[in-house]
Protein backbone atom coordinates (compact mmCIF):
# COMPACT_ATOMS: atom_id res chain seq x y z
CA MET A 1 81.63 61.19 125.75
CA THR A 2 84.16 62.48 128.23
CA LEU A 3 87.89 61.91 128.17
CA ASP A 4 88.96 61.79 131.80
CA SER A 5 87.62 61.43 135.30
CA THR A 6 88.73 64.82 136.57
CA ALA A 7 85.48 66.62 135.78
CA LYS A 8 83.09 67.16 138.64
CA PRO A 9 79.34 67.19 138.10
CA ARG A 10 77.65 70.52 138.51
CA ALA A 11 75.59 71.04 141.63
CA SER A 12 72.08 69.80 141.04
CA ARG A 13 69.85 72.63 139.94
CA GLY A 14 66.59 73.05 141.80
CA ARG A 15 67.55 70.94 144.79
CA ARG A 16 67.11 72.14 148.32
CA PRO A 17 70.56 72.94 149.70
CA SER A 18 72.43 71.39 152.63
CA ARG A 19 70.93 67.91 152.49
CA PRO A 20 73.27 64.95 153.00
CA THR A 21 73.81 63.09 149.73
CA GLY A 22 73.24 59.74 151.40
CA ASP A 23 69.87 60.67 152.87
CA ASP A 24 67.64 57.62 152.51
CA ARG A 25 64.55 59.64 151.64
CA GLU A 26 66.31 61.57 148.90
CA LEU A 27 67.68 58.34 147.46
CA ALA A 28 64.19 56.81 147.64
CA ILE A 29 62.77 59.70 145.60
CA LEU A 30 65.52 59.32 142.98
CA SER A 31 65.10 55.56 142.80
CA THR A 32 61.33 55.91 142.45
CA ALA A 33 61.73 58.48 139.68
CA GLU A 34 64.11 56.31 137.67
CA LYS A 35 61.81 53.28 137.98
CA LEU A 36 58.77 55.30 136.91
CA LEU A 37 60.68 56.78 133.95
CA GLU A 38 61.21 53.24 132.65
CA GLN A 39 57.46 53.04 132.00
CA HIS A 40 56.21 56.63 131.74
CA ALA A 41 57.21 59.98 130.27
CA LEU A 42 58.20 62.62 132.80
CA SER A 43 55.01 64.55 131.97
CA GLU A 44 52.93 61.54 133.08
CA ILE A 45 54.60 61.30 136.50
CA SER A 46 53.18 63.41 139.32
CA ILE A 47 54.71 64.65 142.55
CA ASP A 48 52.24 62.39 144.35
CA ASP A 49 53.58 59.41 142.39
CA LEU A 50 57.12 60.23 143.45
CA ALA A 51 56.19 60.83 147.09
CA ARG A 52 54.08 57.70 147.32
CA GLY A 53 56.78 55.55 145.73
CA ALA A 54 59.37 56.93 148.14
CA GLY A 55 57.12 56.33 151.13
CA ILE A 56 56.92 60.00 152.09
CA SER A 57 54.33 62.76 152.11
CA ARG A 58 53.96 65.41 149.44
CA PRO A 59 55.22 68.18 151.80
CA THR A 60 58.25 66.04 152.63
CA PHE A 61 59.04 65.70 148.91
CA TYR A 62 59.30 69.49 148.66
CA PHE A 63 61.79 69.49 151.51
CA TYR A 64 64.20 67.73 149.10
CA PHE A 65 63.21 68.92 145.63
CA ARG A 66 61.36 71.90 144.22
CA SER A 67 59.88 69.98 141.29
CA LYS A 68 60.04 66.72 139.37
CA ASP A 69 62.29 68.49 136.86
CA SER A 70 64.81 69.04 139.63
CA VAL A 71 64.63 65.30 140.37
CA LEU A 72 65.56 64.58 136.75
CA LEU A 73 68.45 67.06 136.92
CA THR A 74 69.78 65.34 140.03
CA LEU A 75 69.52 61.96 138.32
CA LEU A 76 71.46 63.40 135.39
CA ASP A 77 74.19 64.72 137.67
CA ARG A 78 74.53 61.29 139.27
CA VAL A 79 74.72 59.52 135.90
CA ILE A 80 77.42 61.89 134.66
CA GLN A 81 79.36 61.42 137.89
CA LYS A 82 79.30 57.66 137.27
CA LEU A 83 80.44 58.21 133.69
CA ASP A 84 83.32 60.43 134.79
CA GLN A 85 84.40 57.71 137.23
CA ALA A 86 84.07 54.96 134.62
CA VAL A 87 86.03 56.59 131.81
CA VAL A 88 89.60 55.38 131.79
CA GLY A 89 92.45 57.53 133.02
CA PRO A 90 93.74 60.88 131.84
CA SER A 91 94.02 61.67 128.16
CA GLU A 92 97.81 61.19 128.23
CA ARG A 93 97.05 57.48 127.72
CA LEU A 94 95.66 58.32 124.30
CA SER A 95 99.10 58.37 122.66
CA GLU A 96 99.97 54.92 124.05
CA ASP A 97 97.18 53.06 122.25
CA PRO A 98 94.62 55.30 120.51
CA VAL A 99 92.34 52.48 119.37
CA ARG A 100 92.10 50.99 122.85
CA TYR A 101 91.65 54.39 124.47
CA TRP A 102 88.79 55.52 122.24
CA ARG A 103 87.13 52.09 122.55
CA GLU A 104 87.28 52.22 126.34
CA CYS A 105 85.78 55.73 126.32
CA LEU A 106 82.94 54.57 124.09
CA GLU A 107 82.38 51.44 126.17
CA ALA A 108 82.19 53.51 129.36
CA THR A 109 79.70 55.88 127.72
CA TYR A 110 77.57 53.02 126.41
CA THR A 111 77.63 51.04 129.67
CA THR A 112 76.76 54.01 131.87
CA PHE A 113 73.91 55.31 129.72
CA SER A 114 72.62 51.80 129.07
CA ALA A 115 72.25 51.25 132.80
CA HIS A 116 70.30 54.51 133.06
CA ARG A 117 68.65 54.64 129.65
CA ALA A 118 65.34 55.84 131.08
CA VAL A 119 67.08 58.97 132.37
CA LEU A 120 68.74 59.55 128.99
CA THR A 121 65.43 59.07 127.18
CA ALA A 122 63.58 61.46 129.48
CA THR A 123 66.28 64.10 129.04
CA VAL A 124 66.10 63.94 125.24
CA GLN A 125 62.32 64.10 125.33
CA VAL A 126 62.09 67.24 127.48
CA GLN A 127 65.24 69.17 126.51
CA HIS A 128 63.42 71.37 123.99
CA THR A 129 60.61 72.31 126.37
CA ASN A 130 62.59 72.62 129.60
CA ALA A 131 65.10 75.47 129.52
CA GLU A 132 67.02 74.27 132.57
CA ILE A 133 67.54 70.78 131.19
CA HIS A 134 68.43 72.23 127.79
CA ARG A 135 71.13 74.36 129.46
CA TRP A 136 72.38 71.31 131.37
CA ARG A 137 72.82 69.33 128.14
CA ALA A 138 74.47 72.28 126.42
CA ASP A 139 76.93 72.74 129.31
CA ARG A 140 77.75 69.04 129.32
CA ALA A 141 78.22 68.95 125.56
CA GLU A 142 80.47 72.01 125.61
CA ARG A 143 82.70 70.48 128.28
CA TRP A 144 83.12 67.27 126.32
CA VAL A 145 83.55 69.00 122.96
CA THR A 146 86.39 71.05 124.45
CA ARG A 147 88.20 67.97 125.73
CA ILE A 148 87.80 65.99 122.55
CA SER A 149 88.92 68.98 120.49
CA GLN A 150 92.06 69.17 122.60
CA ALA A 151 92.66 65.46 122.14
CA ILE A 152 92.30 65.70 118.35
CA GLU A 153 94.67 68.66 118.25
CA ALA A 154 97.20 66.74 120.37
CA GLU A 155 96.99 63.73 118.05
CA ARG A 156 97.59 66.01 115.06
CA ALA A 157 100.52 67.70 116.80
CA ARG A 158 102.30 64.38 117.37
CA GLY A 159 101.66 63.22 113.81
CA ALA A 160 99.16 60.48 114.64
CA ALA A 161 96.22 62.24 112.98
CA PRO A 162 96.40 64.21 109.70
CA PRO A 163 95.31 67.84 109.28
CA GLY A 164 91.65 68.30 108.45
CA PRO A 165 88.56 70.25 109.44
CA ARG A 166 88.64 72.22 112.67
CA ALA A 167 89.04 69.88 115.64
CA ARG A 168 86.12 71.56 117.40
CA ASP A 169 83.81 70.96 114.44
CA LEU A 170 84.75 67.27 114.38
CA ALA A 171 84.21 67.00 118.13
CA ILE A 172 80.76 68.57 117.86
CA ALA A 173 79.72 66.22 115.06
CA LEU A 174 81.06 63.13 116.82
CA ASN A 175 79.28 63.97 120.07
CA LEU A 176 75.99 64.70 118.34
CA MET A 177 76.33 61.41 116.50
CA ASN A 178 76.95 59.54 119.75
CA ASP A 179 73.88 61.08 121.37
CA ARG A 180 71.56 60.30 118.47
CA VAL A 181 72.88 56.80 117.77
CA LEU A 182 72.76 55.72 121.41
CA TYR A 183 69.29 57.21 121.88
CA SER A 184 67.98 55.27 118.87
CA THR A 185 69.71 52.09 119.99
CA PHE A 186 68.36 52.30 123.53
CA THR A 187 64.80 53.22 122.56
CA GLY A 188 64.44 51.16 119.38
CA ASP A 189 63.64 54.33 117.45
CA GLU A 190 64.25 52.89 113.98
CA PRO A 191 66.48 52.96 112.12
CA ALA A 192 68.76 51.95 114.98
CA VAL A 193 72.13 50.23 115.28
CA PRO A 194 71.80 46.93 117.23
CA GLU A 195 73.28 47.03 120.72
CA SER A 196 75.67 44.22 119.80
CA ASP A 197 77.21 46.38 117.05
CA VAL A 198 76.94 49.92 118.33
CA ILE A 199 80.38 50.28 119.96
CA ASP A 200 82.21 48.83 116.94
CA VAL A 201 80.27 51.07 114.57
CA LEU A 202 80.88 54.22 116.62
CA LEU A 203 84.55 53.38 117.09
CA ASN A 204 85.05 52.90 113.35
CA ILE A 205 83.51 56.30 112.66
CA TRP A 206 85.55 58.03 115.38
CA LEU A 207 88.82 56.53 114.13
CA THR A 208 88.24 57.20 110.45
CA THR A 209 87.03 60.74 111.21
CA ILE A 210 90.00 61.67 113.40
CA TYR A 211 92.77 59.60 111.78
CA GLN A 212 91.36 58.85 108.32
CA THR A 213 92.23 55.24 109.14
CA THR A 214 91.30 52.66 111.77
CA GLN A 215 94.98 52.17 112.65
CA PRO A 216 96.38 55.47 113.98
CA ILE A 217 100.00 55.95 114.94
CA ALA A 218 100.67 54.85 118.53
CA GLY A 219 103.36 55.85 120.99
């Protein structure tokens, strides 16, 4: 989860430089990859599959991407960019209505990853065997942990949240929980929280963890 829309996605690793982001052939490769990931693991998808689906030759594929892993990294960057744009406002809004703010952050996270669940699933599946993707996830997690830690500390400073374990430790645990719960929900990897309940369940845990109540002090 991220807390504001100010963060910019990192440049896609492994991509050929200086290509226009709206290039139809690049978009066709990315669209093909996401569709194929809905039915196959990344390891089962070949460069020929991606090129054929995009209506280009194999040499043309390499003009845009160095590997299929770099395609996945670019898809990840685009998903995170959408998430950053979807998450509501700057964190100053947190003090106005904490329950609403955290819910909207969770809803944005759920909605964005749900729309691109094949990308999320592929990332989880390869993160321990692909060093570049593992670093990407670690960088993303660190950025979000820092922001959430700062938000928890701010809520404690204004008296809305009580003292407790280190804010950073709570932020790490909450983010890891989000990742695992959403992955299980999206993939049906039982036990899994039903999609109809997942936001309410996560919100309850976030509020009780940070505030030790589901009704924090507002304003």
